[in-house]
C-alpha atoms as a PDB file:
ATOM      1  CA  MET A   1     162.130 111.202 137.311  1.00  0.00           C
ATOM      2  CA  TYR A   2     160.982 114.409 136.211  1.00  0.00           C
ATOM      3  CA  LYS A   3     158.141 114.809 133.528  1.00  0.00           C
ATOM      4  CA  PHE A   4     158.702 117.467 130.973  1.00  0.00           C
ATOM      5  CA  SER A   5     155.345 119.430 130.308  1.00  0.00           C
ATOM      6  CA  LEU A   6     154.254 119.784 126.784  1.00  0.00           C
ATOM      7  CA  GLU A   7     154.600 123.664 126.795  1.00  0.00           C
ATOM      8  CA  PHE A   8     158.291 123.093 128.105  1.00  0.00           C
ATOM      9  CA  TYR A   9     159.088 120.781 125.237  1.00  0.00           C
ATOM     10  CA  ILE A  10     157.497 123.173 122.473  1.00  0.00           C
ATOM     11  CA  LEU A  11     159.260 126.122 124.162  1.00  0.00           C
ATOM     12  CA  SER A  12     162.586 124.160 123.843  1.00  0.00           C
ATOM     13  CA  GLN A  13     162.116 123.402 120.011  1.00  0.00           C
ATOM     14  CA  ILE A  14     161.792 126.917 119.082  1.00  0.00           C
ATOM     15  CA  THR A  15     164.765 128.291 117.035  1.00  0.00           C
ATOM     16  CA  PRO A  16     167.047 130.418 119.360  1.00  0.00           C
ATOM     17  CA  LEU A  17     166.763 134.178 119.107  1.00  0.00           C
ATOM     18  CA  THR A  18     169.332 135.761 116.618  1.00  0.00           C
ATOM     19  CA  GLU A  19     170.002 138.818 118.622  1.00  0.00           C
ATOM     20  CA  GLY A  20     169.093 140.493 122.027  1.00  0.00           C
ATOM     21  CA  ILE A  21     168.591 139.352 125.256  1.00  0.00           C
ATOM     22  CA  ARG A  22     167.529 135.739 124.593  1.00  0.00           C
ATOM     23  CA  TRP A  23     166.893 134.645 128.015  1.00  0.00           C
ATOM     24  CA  LEU A  24     163.879 136.854 128.272  1.00  0.00           C
ATOM     25  CA  SER A  25     161.977 134.088 126.505  1.00  0.00           C
ATOM     26  CA  LEU A  26     161.844 132.587 129.756  1.00  0.00           C
ATOM     27  CA  ALA A  27     158.786 134.696 130.182  1.00  0.00           C
ATOM     28  CA  LYS A  28     156.971 132.690 127.748  1.00  0.00           C
ATOM     29  CA  MET A  29     156.790 129.898 130.181  1.00  0.00           C
ATOM     30  CA  SER A  30     153.746 129.593 132.199  1.00  0.00           C
ATOM     31  CA  SER A  31     153.875 128.273 135.845  1.00  0.00           C
ATOM     32  CA  VAL A  32     152.918 124.724 134.274  1.00  0.00           C
ATOM     33  CA  ALA A  33     156.515 124.530 132.845  1.00  0.00           C
ATOM     34  CA  THR A  34     158.597 125.034 135.664  1.00  0.00           C
ATOM     35  CA  ILE A  35     162.514 124.029 135.780  1.00  0.00           C
ATOM     36  CA  GLN A  36     162.532 121.208 138.212  1.00  0.00           C
ATOM     37  CA  ALA A  37     165.800 119.294 137.609  1.00  0.00           C
ATOM     38  CA  PRO A  38     169.306 120.472 136.038  1.00  0.00           C
ATOM     39  CA  GLU A  39     168.957 118.590 132.996  1.00  0.00           C
ATOM     40  CA  MET A  40     166.066 120.545 131.890  1.00  0.00           C
ATOM     41  CA  CYS A  41     168.252 123.746 131.705  1.00  0.00           C
ATOM     42  CA  GLU A  42     169.865 122.262 128.568  1.00  0.00           C
ATOM     43  CA  SER A  43     166.666 122.488 126.764  1.00  0.00           C
ATOM     44  CA  LEU A  44     165.833 126.205 127.710  1.00  0.00           C
ATOM     45  CA  ILE A  45     165.871 128.467 124.508  1.00  0.00           C
ATOM     46  CA  GLY A  46     168.218 131.391 124.561  1.00  0.00           C
ATOM     47  CA  LEU A  47     170.742 130.557 127.329  1.00  0.00           C
ATOM     48  CA  VAL A  48     174.178 130.554 126.312  1.00  0.00           C
ATOM     49  CA  LYS A  49     176.695 127.870 127.886  1.00  0.00           C
ATOM     50  CA  ARG A  50     177.534 129.930 131.048  1.00  0.00           C
ATOM     51  CA  GLN A  51     173.821 130.624 131.716  1.00  0.00           C
ATOM     52  CA  LYS A  52     172.892 126.871 131.375  1.00  0.00           C
ATOM     53  CA  LYS A  53     175.732 126.240 134.002  1.00  0.00           C
ATOM     54  CA  ILE A  54     174.364 128.500 136.321  1.00  0.00           C
ATOM     55  CA  CYS A  55     170.733 127.231 135.803  1.00  0.00           C
ATOM     56  CA  LYS A  56     171.826 123.691 136.603  1.00  0.00           C
ATOM     57  CA  LYS A  57     173.226 125.035 139.949  1.00  0.00           C
ATOM     58  CA  ASN A  58     170.486 127.145 141.033  1.00  0.00           C
ATOM     59  CA  THR A  59     167.278 125.576 139.412  1.00  0.00           C
ATOM     60  CA  GLU A  60     165.264 126.843 142.452  1.00  0.00           C
ATOM     61  CA  ILE A  61     166.287 130.345 141.601  1.00  0.00           C
ATOM     62  CA  MET A  62     165.331 130.119 138.056  1.00  0.00           C
ATOM     63  CA  GLU A  63     161.669 130.550 138.816  1.00  0.00           C
ATOM     64  CA  SER A  64     162.563 133.933 140.060  1.00  0.00           C
ATOM     65  CA  VAL A  65     164.462 134.573 136.921  1.00  0.00           C
ATOM     66  CA  LYS A  66     161.331 133.674 134.863  1.00  0.00           C
ATOM     67  CA  ILE A  67     159.261 136.054 137.180  1.00  0.00           C
ATOM     68  CA  GLY A  68     161.703 138.824 136.719  1.00  0.00           C
ATOM     69  CA  ALA A  69     161.561 138.308 132.890  1.00  0.00           C
ATOM     70  CA  HIS A  70     157.992 138.717 132.951  1.00  0.00           C
ATOM     71  CA  VAL A  71     157.828 141.642 135.212  1.00  0.00           C
ATOM     72  CA  SER A  72     160.680 143.503 133.102  1.00  0.00           C
ATOM     73  CA  ILE A  73     158.414 143.156 129.867  1.00  0.00           C
ATOM     74  CA  ASP A  74     155.376 144.335 131.694  1.00  0.00           C
ATOM     75  CA  GLU A  75     156.993 147.283 133.198  1.00  0.00           C
ATOM     76  CA  CYS A  76     158.672 148.281 129.916  1.00  0.00           C
ATOM     77  CA  GLN A  77     155.256 148.111 128.007  1.00  0.00           C
ATOM     78  CA  PHE A  78     153.657 150.210 130.868  1.00  0.00           C
ATOM     79  CA  GLN A  79     156.168 153.029 130.759  1.00  0.00           C
ATOM     80  CA  PHE A  80     156.325 153.108 127.005  1.00  0.00           C
ATOM     81  CA  LYS A  81     152.472 152.598 126.435  1.00  0.00           C
ATOM     82  CA  HIS A  82     152.262 156.172 125.271  1.00  0.00           C
ATOM     83  CA  ARG A  83     155.340 156.386 123.073  1.00  0.00           C
ATOM     84  CA  ARG A  84     155.699 155.580 119.388  1.00  0.00           C
ATOM     85  CA  TRP A  85     157.828 152.589 120.406  1.00  0.00           C
ATOM     86  CA  ASN A  86     155.703 151.008 122.990  1.00  0.00           C
ATOM     87  CA  CYS A  87     157.881 147.970 124.038  1.00  0.00           C
ATOM     88  CA  SER A  88     155.870 145.625 121.725  1.00  0.00           C
ATOM     89  CA  THR A  89     156.866 141.947 121.963  1.00  0.00           C
ATOM     90  CA  VAL A  90     156.683 140.232 118.509  1.00  0.00           C
ATOM     91  CA  ASP A  91     156.773 136.569 119.073  1.00  0.00           C
ATOM     92  CA  ALA A  92     158.458 133.921 121.080  1.00  0.00           C
ATOM     93  CA  LYS A  93     161.456 133.825 118.743  1.00  0.00           C
ATOM     94  CA  LYS A  94     162.264 137.397 118.762  1.00  0.00           C
ATOM     95  CA  LEU A  95     160.558 139.147 121.728  1.00  0.00           C
ATOM     96  CA  PHE A  96     161.307 142.728 120.554  1.00  0.00           C
ATOM     97  CA  GLY A  97     161.945 141.659 116.822  1.00  0.00           C
ATOM     98  CA  ASN A  98     165.205 143.616 115.684  1.00  0.00           C
ATOM     99  CA  VAL A  99     164.909 146.578 117.929  1.00  0.00           C
ATOM    100  CA  LEU A 100     167.609 145.333 120.028  1.00  0.00           C
ATOM    101  CA  LYS A 101     169.882 144.722 117.053  1.00  0.00           C
ATOM    102  CA  LEU A 102     170.833 148.294 116.987  1.00  0.00           C
ATOM    103  CA  GLY A 103     172.725 150.200 120.082  1.00  0.00           C
ATOM    104  CA  THR A 104     169.532 152.639 120.735  1.00  0.00           C
ATOM    105  CA  ARG A 105     168.126 154.025 123.742  1.00  0.00           C
ATOM    106  CA  GLU A 106     165.459 151.307 123.563  1.00  0.00           C
ATOM    107  CA  ALA A 107     167.995 148.693 123.644  1.00  0.00           C
ATOM    108  CA  ALA A 108     169.427 150.200 126.729  1.00  0.00           C
ATOM    109  CA  PHE A 109     166.375 150.405 128.318  1.00  0.00           C
ATOM    110  CA  VAL A 110     165.500 146.815 127.815  1.00  0.00           C
ATOM    111  CA  HIS A 111     168.951 145.815 128.970  1.00  0.00           C
ATOM    112  CA  ALA A 112     168.437 147.665 132.130  1.00  0.00           C
ATOM    113  CA  ILE A 113     164.886 146.997 133.113  1.00  0.00           C
ATOM    114  CA  SER A 114     165.445 143.056 132.647  1.00  0.00           C
ATOM    115  CA  SER A 115     168.798 143.204 134.857  1.00  0.00           C
ATOM    116  CA  ALA A 116     166.764 144.983 137.359  1.00  0.00           C
ATOM    117  CA  GLY A 117     163.947 142.700 137.114  1.00  0.00           C
ATOM    118  CA  VAL A 118     165.916 139.523 138.004  1.00  0.00           C
ATOM    119  CA  ALA A 119     167.774 141.308 140.854  1.00  0.00           C
ATOM    120  CA  HIS A 120     164.383 142.513 142.102  1.00  0.00           C
ATOM    121  CA  SER A 121     162.728 139.176 141.952  1.00  0.00           C
ATOM    122  CA  VAL A 122     165.741 137.060 143.316  1.00  0.00           C
ATOM    123  CA  THR A 123     165.899 139.619 146.246  1.00  0.00           C
ATOM    124  CA  ARG A 124     162.280 139.418 146.844  1.00  0.00           C
ATOM    125  CA  ALA A 125     162.366 135.594 146.917  1.00  0.00           C
ATOM    126  CA  CYS A 126     165.210 135.532 149.340  1.00  0.00           C
ATOM    127  CA  SER A 127     163.378 137.750 151.724  1.00  0.00           C
ATOM    128  CA  SER A 128     160.231 135.536 151.511  1.00  0.00           C
ATOM    129  CA  GLY A 129     162.184 132.637 152.468  1.00  0.00           C
ATOM    130  CA  LYS A 130     161.220 130.746 149.235  1.00  0.00           C
ATOM    131  CA  LEU A 131     165.194 130.027 148.623  1.00  0.00           C
ATOM    132  CA  ASN A 132     167.212 127.685 150.526  1.00  0.00           C
ATOM    133  CA  LYS A 133     170.793 129.497 149.166  1.00  0.00           C
ATOM    134  CA  CYS A 134     169.774 132.825 150.720  1.00  0.00           C
ATOM    135  CA  GLY A 135     167.546 134.611 153.191  1.00  0.00           C
ATOM    136  CA  CYS A 136     167.211 138.202 154.757  1.00  0.00           C
ATOM    137  CA  ASP A 137     170.345 140.379 155.000  1.00  0.00           C
ATOM    138  CA  ARG A 138     171.463 139.684 158.519  1.00  0.00           C
ATOM    139  CA  THR A 139     174.434 142.156 158.110  1.00  0.00           C
ATOM    140  CA  VAL A 140     172.215 145.065 158.840  1.00  0.00           C
ATOM    141  CA  LYS A 141     172.148 144.893 162.519  1.00  0.00           C
ATOM    142  CA  GLY A 142     173.059 147.071 165.579  1.00  0.00           C
ATOM    143  CA  ARG A 143     171.997 150.723 166.592  1.00  0.00           C
ATOM    144  CA  SER A 144     171.975 153.303 163.832  1.00  0.00           C
ATOM    145  CA  SER A 145     173.464 157.070 164.035  1.00  0.00           C
ATOM    146  CA  GLU A 146     169.811 158.130 164.078  1.00  0.00           C
ATOM    147  CA  GLY A 147     169.068 156.096 167.156  1.00  0.00           C
ATOM    148  CA  PHE A 148     167.018 153.485 166.192  1.00  0.00           C
ATOM    149  CA  GLU A 149     167.611 149.677 166.180  1.00  0.00           C
ATOM    150  CA  TRP A 150     168.270 147.652 162.840  1.00  0.00           C
ATOM    151  CA  SER A 151     166.173 144.535 162.977  1.00  0.00           C
ATOM    152  CA  GLY A 152     163.542 142.755 161.227  1.00  0.00           C
ATOM    153  CA  CYS A 153     164.107 141.127 157.602  1.00  0.00           C
ATOM    154  CA  SER A 154     166.034 143.458 155.466  1.00  0.00           C
ATOM    155  CA  ASP A 155     166.060 142.684 151.682  1.00  0.00           C
ATOM    156  CA  ASN A 156     169.219 140.965 150.736  1.00  0.00           C
ATOM    157  CA  ILE A 157     169.857 143.236 147.667  1.00  0.00           C
ATOM    158  CA  GLU A 158     173.272 142.119 147.577  1.00  0.00           C
ATOM    159  CA  TYR A 159     172.641 138.470 146.787  1.00  0.00           C
ATOM    160  CA  GLY A 160     169.968 139.530 144.211  1.00  0.00           C
ATOM    161  CA  THR A 161     172.227 141.980 142.347  1.00  0.00           C
ATOM    162  CA  ALA A 162     175.073 139.514 142.539  1.00  0.00           C
ATOM    163  CA  PHE A 163     173.134 136.676 140.938  1.00  0.00           C
ATOM    164  CA  SER A 164     171.735 139.075 138.178  1.00  0.00           C
ATOM    165  CA  ARG A 165     175.294 140.161 137.433  1.00  0.00           C
ATOM    166  CA  SER A 166     176.443 136.436 137.148  1.00  0.00           C
ATOM    167  CA  PHE A 167     173.497 135.213 134.953  1.00  0.00           C
ATOM    168  CA  VAL A 168     172.255 138.226 133.001  1.00  0.00           C
ATOM    169  CA  ASP A 169     175.944 139.470 131.896  1.00  0.00           C
ATOM    170  CA  ALA A 170     177.030 135.995 131.015  1.00  0.00           C
ATOM    171  CA  ARG A 171     175.810 136.632 127.315  1.00  0.00           C
ATOM    172  CA  GLU A 172     177.690 139.776 126.976  1.00  0.00           C
ATOM    173  CA  ARG A 173     180.872 138.642 128.411  1.00  0.00           C
ATOM    174  CA  ARG A 174     181.150 136.100 125.546  1.00  0.00           C
ATOM    175  CA  ARG A 175     180.896 138.755 122.895  1.00  0.00           C
ATOM    176  CA  LYS A 176     183.754 138.637 120.465  1.00  0.00           C
ATOM    177  CA  ASN A 177     186.246 141.795 120.551  1.00  0.00           C
ATOM    178  CA  LYS A 178     184.747 143.284 117.112  1.00  0.00           C
ATOM    179  CA  ASP A 179     181.689 143.684 119.036  1.00  0.00           C
ATOM    180  CA  ILE A 180     183.478 145.513 122.170  1.00  0.00           C
ATOM    181  CA  GLY A 181     181.583 148.806 121.796  1.00  0.00           C
ATOM    182  CA  ARG A 182     178.272 146.941 122.194  1.00  0.00           C
ATOM    183  CA  LYS A 183     179.471 144.785 124.764  1.00  0.00           C
ATOM    184  CA  LEU A 184     180.580 147.541 127.016  1.00  0.00           C
ATOM    185  CA  MET A 185     177.147 149.385 126.511  1.00  0.00           C
ATOM    186  CA  ASN A 186     175.241 146.549 127.449  1.00  0.00           C
ATOM    187  CA  LEU A 187     177.250 145.532 130.647  1.00  0.00           C
ATOM    188  CA  HIS A 188     176.971 149.404 131.504  1.00  0.00           C
ATOM    189  CA  ASN A 189     173.204 149.393 131.133  1.00  0.00           C
ATOM    190  CA  ASN A 190     172.827 145.818 132.855  1.00  0.00           C
ATOM    191  CA  GLU A 191     174.500 147.648 136.016  1.00  0.00           C
ATOM    192  CA  ALA A 192     172.452 150.694 135.701  1.00  0.00           C
ATOM    193  CA  GLY A 193     169.449 148.519 136.062  1.00  0.00           C
ATOM    194  CA  ARG A 194     170.651 146.954 139.042  1.00  0.00           C
ATOM    195  CA  LYS A 195     171.569 150.220 140.639  1.00  0.00           C
ATOM    196  CA  ALA A 196     168.274 151.652 140.030  1.00  0.00           C
ATOM    197  CA  VAL A 197     167.000 149.035 142.498  1.00  0.00           C
ATOM    198  CA  LYS A 198     170.033 149.162 145.027  1.00  0.00           C
ATOM    199  CA  ASN A 199     170.390 152.932 145.035  1.00  0.00           C
ATOM    200  CA  ASN A 200     166.732 153.379 145.985  1.00  0.00           C
ATOM    201  CA  MET A 201     166.424 151.023 149.020  1.00  0.00           C
ATOM    202  CA  ARG A 202     164.465 152.472 151.572  1.00  0.00           C
ATOM    203  CA  ILE A 203     163.989 152.441 155.354  1.00  0.00           C
ATOM    204  CA  GLU A 204     160.791 151.009 157.086  1.00  0.00           C
ATOM    205  CA  CYS A 205     160.343 151.137 160.613  1.00  0.00           C
ATOM    206  CA  LYS A 206     158.083 149.498 163.427  1.00  0.00           C
ATOM    207  CA  CYS A 207     157.277 151.153 166.703  1.00  0.00           C
ATOM    208  CA  HIS A 208     157.258 149.304 170.095  1.00  0.00           C
ATOM    209  CA  GLY A 209     155.941 150.411 173.350  1.00  0.00           C
ATOM    210  CA  VAL A 210     152.599 150.832 175.497  1.00  0.00           C
ATOM    211  CA  SER A 211     149.742 152.050 173.723  1.00  0.00           C
ATOM    212  CA  GLY A 212     151.503 152.668 170.471  1.00  0.00           C
ATOM    213  CA  SER A 213     154.247 154.886 171.943  1.00  0.00           C
ATOM    214  CA  CYS A 214     157.523 154.514 170.252  1.00  0.00           C
ATOM    215  CA  GLU A 215     159.887 153.739 172.961  1.00  0.00           C
ATOM    216  CA  LEU A 216     161.762 151.592 171.041  1.00  0.00           C
ATOM    217  CA  LYS A 217     162.173 151.926 166.869  1.00  0.00           C
ATOM    218  CA  THR A 218     163.261 148.941 164.791  1.00  0.00           C
ATOM    219  CA  CYS A 219     163.910 149.336 161.107  1.00  0.00           C
ATOM    220  CA  TRP A 220     164.895 147.463 158.183  1.00  0.00           C
ATOM    221  CA  LYS A 221     165.933 148.122 154.348  1.00  0.00           C
ATOM    222  CA  SER A 222     163.477 147.453 151.961  1.00  0.00           C
ATOM    223  CA  MET A 223     163.518 147.326 148.182  1.00  0.00           C
ATOM    224  CA  PRO A 224     161.416 150.139 145.961  1.00  0.00           C
ATOM    225  CA  THR A 225     158.422 148.915 144.164  1.00  0.00           C
ATOM    226  CA  PHE A 226     159.323 147.512 140.596  1.00  0.00           C
ATOM    227  CA  ARG A 227     157.141 150.317 139.548  1.00  0.00           C
ATOM    228  CA  TYR A 228     159.249 152.899 141.021  1.00  0.00           C
ATOM    229  CA  VAL A 229     162.277 151.351 139.694  1.00  0.00           C
ATOM    230  CA  GLY A 230     160.675 151.425 136.105  1.00  0.00           C
ATOM    231  CA  GLN A 231     159.922 155.112 136.440  1.00  0.00           C
ATOM    232  CA  VAL A 232     163.768 155.734 137.599  1.00  0.00           C
ATOM    233  CA  LEU A 233     164.985 154.002 134.317  1.00  0.00           C
ATOM    234  CA  LYS A 234     162.366 155.821 132.269  1.00  0.00           C
ATOM    235  CA  GLU A 235     163.629 159.056 133.530  1.00  0.00           C
ATOM    236  CA  LYS A 236     167.424 157.660 132.822  1.00  0.00           C
ATOM    237  CA  PHE A 237     166.093 156.792 129.340  1.00  0.00           C
ATOM    238  CA  ASP A 238     165.083 160.220 128.465  1.00  0.00           C
ATOM    239  CA  GLY A 239     168.262 161.677 129.693  1.00  0.00           C
ATOM    240  CA  ALA A 240     170.569 158.797 128.118  1.00  0.00           C
ATOM    241  CA  THR A 241     173.994 159.670 126.975  1.00  0.00           C
ATOM    242  CA  GLU A 242     175.160 159.028 123.401  1.00  0.00           C
ATOM    243  CA  ILE A 243     178.516 157.447 123.621  1.00  0.00           C
ATOM    244  CA  LYS A 244     181.319 156.138 121.235  1.00  0.00           C
ATOM    245  CA  LEU A 245     184.211 153.541 121.931  1.00  0.00           C
ATOM    246  CA  ASP A 246     187.575 154.971 122.917  1.00  0.00           C
ATOM    247  CA  ASN A 247     190.290 152.530 121.792  1.00  0.00           C
ATOM    248  CA  THR A 248     193.219 155.017 122.404  1.00  0.00           C
ATOM    249  CA  LYS A 249     194.174 153.748 126.060  1.00  0.00           C
ATOM    250  CA  LYS A 250     195.204 150.309 127.445  1.00  0.00           C
ATOM    251  CA  HIS A 251     191.636 149.308 128.211  1.00  0.00           C
ATOM    252  CA  PRO A 252     188.764 150.476 125.770  1.00  0.00           C
ATOM    253  CA  GLN A 253     185.913 152.532 127.356  1.00  0.00           C
ATOM    254  CA  LEU A 254     183.056 154.449 126.440  1.00  0.00           C
ATOM    255  CA  ILE A 255     183.029 158.178 126.455  1.00  0.00           C
ATOM    256  CA  PRO A 256     180.396 160.616 125.302  1.00  0.00           C
ATOM    257  CA  VAL A 257     180.175 161.747 121.611  1.00  0.00           C
ATOM    258  CA  ASN A 258     179.928 165.443 122.637  1.00  0.00           C
ATOM    259  CA  PRO A 259     183.029 166.208 124.980  1.00  0.00           C
ATOM    260  CA  GLN A 260     180.884 169.404 126.280  1.00  0.00           C
ATOM    261  CA  PHE A 261     178.429 166.919 127.911  1.00  0.00           C
ATOM    262  CA  LYS A 262     179.118 165.867 131.387  1.00  0.00           C
ATOM    263  CA  PRO A 263     180.344 162.374 131.589  1.00  0.00           C
ATOM    264  CA  HIS A 264     177.715 159.431 132.385  1.00  0.00           C
ATOM    265  CA  THR A 265     177.677 157.941 135.758  1.00  0.00           C
ATOM    266  CA  ASN A 266     177.417 154.200 136.474  1.00  0.00           C
ATOM    267  CA  SER A 267     173.705 154.705 136.978  1.00  0.00           C
ATOM    268  CA  ASP A 268     172.969 156.422 133.883  1.00  0.00           C
ATOM    269  CA  LEU A 269     171.862 154.699 130.484  1.00  0.00           C
ATOM    270  CA  VAL A 270     173.995 155.035 127.463  1.00  0.00           C
ATOM    271  CA  TYR A 271     173.400 154.273 123.688  1.00  0.00           C
ATOM    272  CA  LEU A 272     175.811 154.237 120.505  1.00  0.00           C
ATOM    273  CA  VAL A 273     173.064 154.823 117.857  1.00  0.00           C
ATOM    274  CA  ALA A 274     170.464 157.335 117.468  1.00  0.00           C
ATOM    275  CA  SER A 275     166.770 155.624 117.510  1.00  0.00           C
ATOM    276  CA  PRO A 276     164.797 155.690 114.425  1.00  0.00           C
ATOM    277  CA  ASP A 277     161.411 157.662 114.607  1.00  0.00           C
ATOM    278  CA  PHE A 278     159.367 154.531 114.581  1.00  0.00           C
ATOM    279  CA  CYS A 279     156.737 156.080 112.542  1.00  0.00           C
ATOM    280  CA  GLU A 280     156.714 153.464 109.624  1.00  0.00           C
ATOM    281  CA  PRO A 281     157.235 149.732 109.696  1.00  0.00           C
ATOM    282  CA  GLU A 282     160.585 149.024 109.027  1.00  0.00           C
ATOM    283  CA  PRO A 283     161.846 145.491 109.541  1.00  0.00           C
ATOM    284  CA  LYS A 284     165.398 146.373 109.554  1.00  0.00           C
ATOM    285  CA  THR A 285     165.061 148.489 112.668  1.00  0.00           C
ATOM    286  CA  GLY A 286     162.413 146.671 114.052  1.00  0.00           C
ATOM    287  CA  SER A 287     159.894 149.566 114.015  1.00  0.00           C
ATOM    288  CA  LEU A 288     156.298 148.421 113.912  1.00  0.00           C
ATOM    289  CA  GLY A 289     155.070 151.670 112.898  1.00  0.00           C
ATOM    290  CA  THR A 290     152.202 153.567 114.680  1.00  0.00           C
ATOM    291  CA  LYS A 291     149.180 153.016 112.074  1.00  0.00           C
ATOM    292  CA  GLY A 292     146.312 151.958 114.086  1.00  0.00           C
ATOM    293  CA  ARG A 293     147.525 152.984 117.625  1.00  0.00           C
ATOM    294  CA  VAL A 294     145.167 154.863 119.785  1.00  0.00           C
ATOM    295  CA  CYS A 295     146.055 158.621 120.510  1.00  0.00           C
ATOM    296  CA  ASN A 296     144.948 161.464 122.752  1.00  0.00           C
ATOM    297  CA  LYS A 297     143.421 164.178 120.318  1.00  0.00           C
ATOM    298  CA  THR A 298     143.715 166.882 123.003  1.00  0.00           C
ATOM    299  CA  SER A 299     147.298 166.120 124.131  1.00  0.00           C
ATOM    300  CA  LYS A 300     150.153 168.085 122.635  1.00  0.00           C
ATOM    301  CA  ALA A 301     152.722 165.672 124.066  1.00  0.00           C
ATOM    302  CA  ILE A 302     153.996 162.442 122.338  1.00  0.00           C
ATOM    303  CA  ASP A 303     150.734 160.546 123.026  1.00  0.00           C
ATOM    304  CA  GLY A 304     148.870 163.283 121.071  1.00  0.00           C
ATOM    305  CA  CYS A 305     147.623 162.412 117.700  1.00  0.00           C
ATOM    306  CA  ASP A 306     149.676 164.924 115.779  1.00  0.00           C
ATOM    307  CA  LEU A 307     152.983 163.371 117.132  1.00  0.00           C
ATOM    308  CA  MET A 308     151.948 159.734 117.684  1.00  0.00           C
ATOM    309  CA  CYS A 309     150.653 159.542 113.972  1.00  0.00           C
ATOM    310  CA  CYS A 310     153.567 161.478 112.626  1.00  0.00           C
ATOM    311  CA  GLY A 311     151.421 163.719 110.714  1.00  0.00           C
ATOM    312  CA  ARG A 312     149.466 161.117 108.576  1.00  0.00           C
ATOM    313  CA  GLY A 313     146.217 162.201 110.705  1.00  0.00           C
ATOM    314  CA  HIS A 314     143.886 160.051 112.423  1.00  0.00           C
ATOM    315  CA  GLU A 315     140.383 158.408 112.264  1.00  0.00           C
ATOM    316  CA  THR A 316     137.651 158.693 115.222  1.00  0.00           C
ATOM    317  CA  ARG A 317     135.038 156.217 115.935  1.00  0.00           C
ATOM    318  CA  ARG A 318     132.703 156.129 118.562  1.00  0.00           C
ATOM    319  CA  ARG A 319     132.146 152.832 120.675  1.00  0.00           C
ATOM    320  CA  ARG A 320     129.940 151.842 123.495  1.00  0.00           C
ATOM    321  CA  ILE A 321     131.959 150.198 126.682  1.00  0.00           C
ATOM    322  CA  VAL A 322     130.400 148.741 129.849  1.00  0.00           C
ATOM    323  CA  ASP A 323     131.702 149.932 133.218  1.00  0.00           C
ATOM    324  CA  ARG A 324     131.019 149.045 136.935  1.00  0.00           C
ATOM    325  CA  CYS A 325     128.916 151.529 138.649  1.00  0.00           C
ATOM    326  CA  PHE A 326     126.761 152.312 141.513  1.00  0.00           C
ATOM    327  CA  CYS A 327     128.975 149.880 143.746  1.00  0.00           C
ATOM    328  CA  LYS A 328     127.712 149.304 147.465  1.00  0.00           C
ATOM    329  CA  PHE A 329     129.363 147.641 150.254  1.00  0.00           C
ATOM    330  CA  ASN A 330     127.093 145.041 151.999  1.00  0.00           C
ATOM    331  CA  TRP A 331     127.751 144.192 155.346  1.00  0.00           C
ATOM    332  CA  CYS A 332     129.308 141.759 155.694  1.00  0.00           C
ATOM    333  CA  CYS A 333     131.255 141.376 153.501  1.00  0.00           C
ATOM    334  CA  TRP A 334     130.660 141.849 149.848  1.00  0.00           C
ATOM    335  CA  VAL A 335     130.270 144.686 147.273  1.00  0.00           C
ATOM    336  CA  THR A 336     127.605 144.701 144.636  1.00  0.00           C
ATOM    337  CA  CYS A 337     127.468 146.883 141.635  1.00  0.00           C
ATOM    338  CA  LYS A 338     125.389 147.631 138.426  1.00  0.00           C
ATOM    339  CA  GLU A 339     126.706 147.865 134.875  1.00  0.00           C
ATOM    340  CA  CYS A 340     126.487 151.033 133.194  1.00  0.00           C
ATOM    341  CA  GLU A 341     126.823 151.531 129.541  1.00  0.00           C
ATOM    342  CA  ARG A 342     128.457 154.616 127.992  1.00  0.00           C
ATOM    343  CA  GLU A 343     129.791 155.778 124.517  1.00  0.00           C
ATOM    344  CA  ILE A 344     133.200 157.194 123.879  1.00  0.00           C
ATOM    345  CA  GLU A 345     135.401 158.419 121.272  1.00  0.00           C
ATOM    346  CA  GLU A 346     138.538 156.759 120.205  1.00  0.00           C
ATOM    347  CA  HIS A 347     141.103 158.196 118.111  1.00  0.00           C
ATOM    348  CA  THR A 348     143.432 155.770 116.063  1.00  0.00           C
ATOM    349  CA  CYS A 349     146.327 156.885 113.624  1.00  0.00           C
ATOM    350  CA  LYS A 350     145.882 156.463 110.050  1.00  0.00           C
END
């Protein structure tokens, strides 16, 4: 008999999100509220029927899905911390507010990074031996054309991406035909997120031999860091393709709005609607505005006060901060530091 934690109960009572990637609300669960039994899946907020079914069959993997939701949100906020839209989460009901209602670049990025987060987290759990259903990728073996032996524990990216595709895409596959354009956009960006992990797998090696010689070298395939995945997708965001739905053929498809542009690949991000400027609060678009945001007075880029504040100007104040300083390593083995106080200027948008 499993006990439901108080936090789990509270989360299960929250009204489901009206739009967006609702399963990301799993990120609001702490390690205390773990999914220990199949019946707990029914009470999880934000999951569609198909996702609850997957949850019941894979309760041990749901902890990795929760971690994937966490790292996705954290990475989104890191990549956009100097942008007008900084990937702010609003509350437990609507993590990103109404931003995801529109088929914008921002929605495209959130879909891609969250799909990548699940693939990355599940794959990591497989390789670390935390899951009974998967382990290392043992298909990577034999001698390579470069002359080294495939060995060690290659990350099982095939399992991770397959689970992400099954779980994350379940919500989109149930969309009605009237939303076919948004459905195809979201599915495309979900896959682009997984491609950002899979296409950037790297080879790691270890040398074997007397006195460090490399008489024999064994190698394995390893995932990129999630920070690198975030950087890749951020570049895809900046170069995203504006698309429209083409219903003239047997199977609807997405094509570039501008026919002169090169068609997008399956690893590119695509969007249907131009983004708002995010300068002023606008509930309809989910814009929180930039009033009170910290800006860089000397920068001419988007983080600079001129652009971040949308021409409204900025205020400057001085404040004192305390840093660790004069740190010294003591044998053996600790570090002692002093505390130094300094005054800084901080600029915020009006």
